[in-house]
Protein backbone atom coordinates (compact mmCIF):
# COMPACT_ATOMS: atom_id res chain seq x y z
CA MET A 1 13.61 28.41 -46.37
CA THR A 2 13.59 31.48 -44.17
CA THR A 3 10.89 32.38 -41.70
CA CYS A 4 8.45 35.04 -42.80
CA CYS A 5 5.05 36.28 -41.73
CA ARG A 6 2.14 34.60 -43.55
CA GLY A 7 -1.56 35.23 -43.39
CA VAL A 8 -3.84 32.35 -42.49
CA ARG A 9 -7.56 32.87 -43.07
CA GLY A 10 -10.58 31.23 -41.54
CA ALA A 11 -14.32 31.76 -41.54
CA THR A 12 -17.32 30.10 -39.98
CA THR A 13 -20.96 30.81 -39.26
CA VAL A 14 -23.25 30.42 -36.27
CA VAL A 15 -26.90 29.46 -36.04
CA SER A 16 -27.75 32.15 -33.52
CA ASN A 17 -26.30 35.23 -31.88
CA THR A 18 -25.47 33.67 -28.53
CA ARG A 19 -22.29 33.65 -26.51
CA GLU A 20 -22.20 29.84 -26.64
CA ASP A 21 -22.61 29.65 -30.44
CA ILE A 22 -19.97 32.32 -31.09
CA LEU A 23 -17.40 30.70 -28.80
CA LEU A 24 -18.09 27.16 -30.04
CA ALA A 25 -17.84 28.08 -33.73
CA THR A 26 -14.73 30.21 -33.20
CA ARG A 27 -12.97 27.49 -31.16
CA GLN A 28 -13.74 24.93 -33.88
CA MET A 29 -12.44 27.19 -36.64
CA LEU A 30 -9.30 28.10 -34.73
CA ALA A 31 -8.64 24.49 -33.66
CA LEU A 32 -8.79 23.37 -37.29
CA MET A 33 -6.44 26.16 -38.33
CA ILE A 34 -3.98 25.21 -35.57
CA ARG A 35 -4.08 21.50 -36.35
CA ARG A 36 -4.03 21.66 -40.14
CA ASN A 37 -1.12 24.11 -40.20
CA ASP A 38 0.75 22.96 -37.06
CA ILE A 39 0.53 26.47 -35.58
CA ASP A 40 2.18 27.19 -32.24
CA SER A 41 0.80 30.30 -30.55
CA THR A 42 4.35 31.53 -29.83
CA ASP A 43 4.78 31.97 -33.61
CA VAL A 44 1.57 34.00 -34.05
CA ALA A 45 2.29 37.73 -34.39
CA SER A 46 -1.38 38.74 -34.08
CA ALA A 47 -4.94 37.76 -34.94
CA THR A 48 -7.80 39.89 -36.17
CA PHE A 49 -11.36 38.63 -35.80
CA THR A 50 -14.33 40.19 -37.55
CA VAL A 51 -18.02 39.49 -37.18
CA THR A 52 -21.03 40.55 -39.20
CA LYS A 53 -23.21 43.22 -37.59
CA ASP A 54 -25.79 40.61 -36.52
CA LEU A 55 -23.32 39.11 -34.00
CA ASP A 56 -22.72 40.96 -30.75
CA ALA A 57 -23.25 38.44 -27.94
CA GLU A 58 -19.50 37.82 -27.36
CA PHE A 59 -16.03 38.71 -28.58
CA PRO A 60 -14.80 35.83 -30.77
CA ALA A 61 -11.23 36.49 -29.56
CA LEU A 62 -12.26 35.03 -26.20
CA ALA A 63 -12.20 31.59 -27.88
CA ALA A 64 -8.50 32.06 -28.62
CA ARG A 65 -7.88 33.00 -25.00
CA GLN A 66 -9.78 29.87 -23.93
CA LEU A 67 -7.37 27.83 -26.08
CA GLY A 68 -4.40 29.34 -24.26
CA TRP A 69 -3.49 32.23 -26.55
CA LEU A 70 -2.83 34.52 -23.60
CA GLU A 71 0.11 36.47 -25.05
CA VAL A 72 -1.03 36.78 -28.66
CA PRO A 73 -2.32 40.27 -29.55
CA LEU A 74 -5.97 39.87 -30.58
CA LEU A 75 -8.39 42.36 -32.10
CA CYS A 76 -12.12 42.16 -32.87
CA GLY A 77 -14.07 44.32 -35.29
CA TYR A 78 -17.01 44.39 -37.66
CA GLU A 79 -16.89 43.09 -41.20
CA ILE A 80 -18.13 45.64 -43.74
CA GLU A 81 -21.75 45.18 -44.72
CA VAL A 82 -22.23 44.14 -48.31
CA LYS A 83 -25.70 43.65 -49.73
CA GLY A 84 -26.32 39.91 -50.02
CA GLY A 85 -23.32 39.08 -47.82
CA LEU A 86 -23.19 35.98 -45.64
CA PRO A 87 -24.97 36.60 -42.29
CA LYS A 88 -23.86 35.42 -38.85
CA CYS A 89 -20.28 35.04 -40.03
CA ILE A 90 -17.05 35.10 -38.01
CA ARG A 91 -13.76 35.61 -39.82
CA ILE A 92 -10.15 35.51 -38.67
CA LEU A 93 -6.84 36.57 -40.13
CA LEU A 94 -3.78 35.19 -38.34
CA HIS A 95 -0.36 36.72 -38.93
CA TRP A 96 1.91 33.73 -38.46
CA ASN A 97 5.70 33.46 -38.53
CA THR A 98 6.48 30.27 -40.39
CA ASN A 99 8.85 28.52 -42.77
CA LYS A 100 5.92 27.27 -44.85
CA SER A 101 5.35 28.68 -48.32
CA GLN A 102 2.10 30.44 -49.12
CA SER A 103 0.92 27.42 -51.11
CA GLU A 104 1.40 25.13 -48.09
CA ILE A 105 -0.97 27.16 -45.87
CA GLN A 106 -4.37 25.56 -45.28
CA HIS A 107 -7.09 28.15 -44.82
CA VAL A 108 -10.23 26.96 -43.01
CA TYR A 109 -13.77 27.71 -44.16
CA ILE A 110 -16.46 25.71 -42.37
CA HIS A 111 -20.22 25.55 -42.01
CA GLU A 112 -22.00 28.08 -44.26
CA ALA A 113 -18.74 30.00 -44.74
CA ILE A 114 -17.71 27.38 -47.29
CA ARG A 115 -19.72 29.54 -49.71
CA LEU A 116 -17.17 32.34 -49.30
CA ARG A 117 -14.25 30.32 -50.67
CA PRO A 118 -15.37 27.02 -52.21
CA ASP A 119 -11.94 26.82 -53.87
CA LEU A 120 -10.32 26.53 -50.42
CA SER A 121 -12.96 24.31 -48.86
CA SER A 122 -12.03 20.95 -50.33
CA LEU A 123 -10.25 19.83 -47.18
CA PRO A 124 -10.94 16.39 -45.68
CA PRO A 125 -14.26 16.08 -43.85
CA VAL A 126 -14.15 17.19 -40.23
CA ASP A 127 -14.69 14.63 -37.47
CA TRP A 128 -16.54 17.05 -35.18
CA ALA A 129 -16.57 14.71 -32.16
CA GLU A 130 -12.81 14.17 -32.39
CA LEU A 131 -12.26 17.91 -32.85
CA GLU A 132 -14.36 18.71 -29.76
CA ALA A 133 -12.32 16.17 -27.77
CA TRP A 134 -9.09 17.92 -28.86
CA ILE A 135 -10.55 21.31 -27.95
CA GLY A 136 -11.57 19.98 -24.53
CA GLU A 137 -8.02 18.78 -23.93
CA ASN A 138 -6.60 22.16 -24.91
CA LEU A 139 -8.94 24.53 -23.12
CA SER A 140 -7.19 26.73 -20.57
CA LYS A 141 -8.03 25.76 -17.05
């Protein structure tokens, strides 16, 4: 199979509009995307993060930088407002060069964002303590 650029989606929510909550939730979402798809940052063409208008305490892209994505082009923006839409939501679209087929990609929807794509949210339960340990090991010094 030849390498092509695939989109990998993720979404999460935060409890409050704080720098700590935004970075924690974004790191968790991105770490799950990396681990479940075996993503190497050198194969990522770019990443676009969006937040709902009720989140403005931090750029979610900083979480990717904290995980060592120093050369990946990152962009943050606002998600369009839709009446009844999910509040306090962070979304990401990765453009990833991979040999995997579209059906092999595992998109990550966690916390309240599961409501956005219940069809893609039947992944194994997350061991949050183990995930936080992995994130701690991979944070840029």
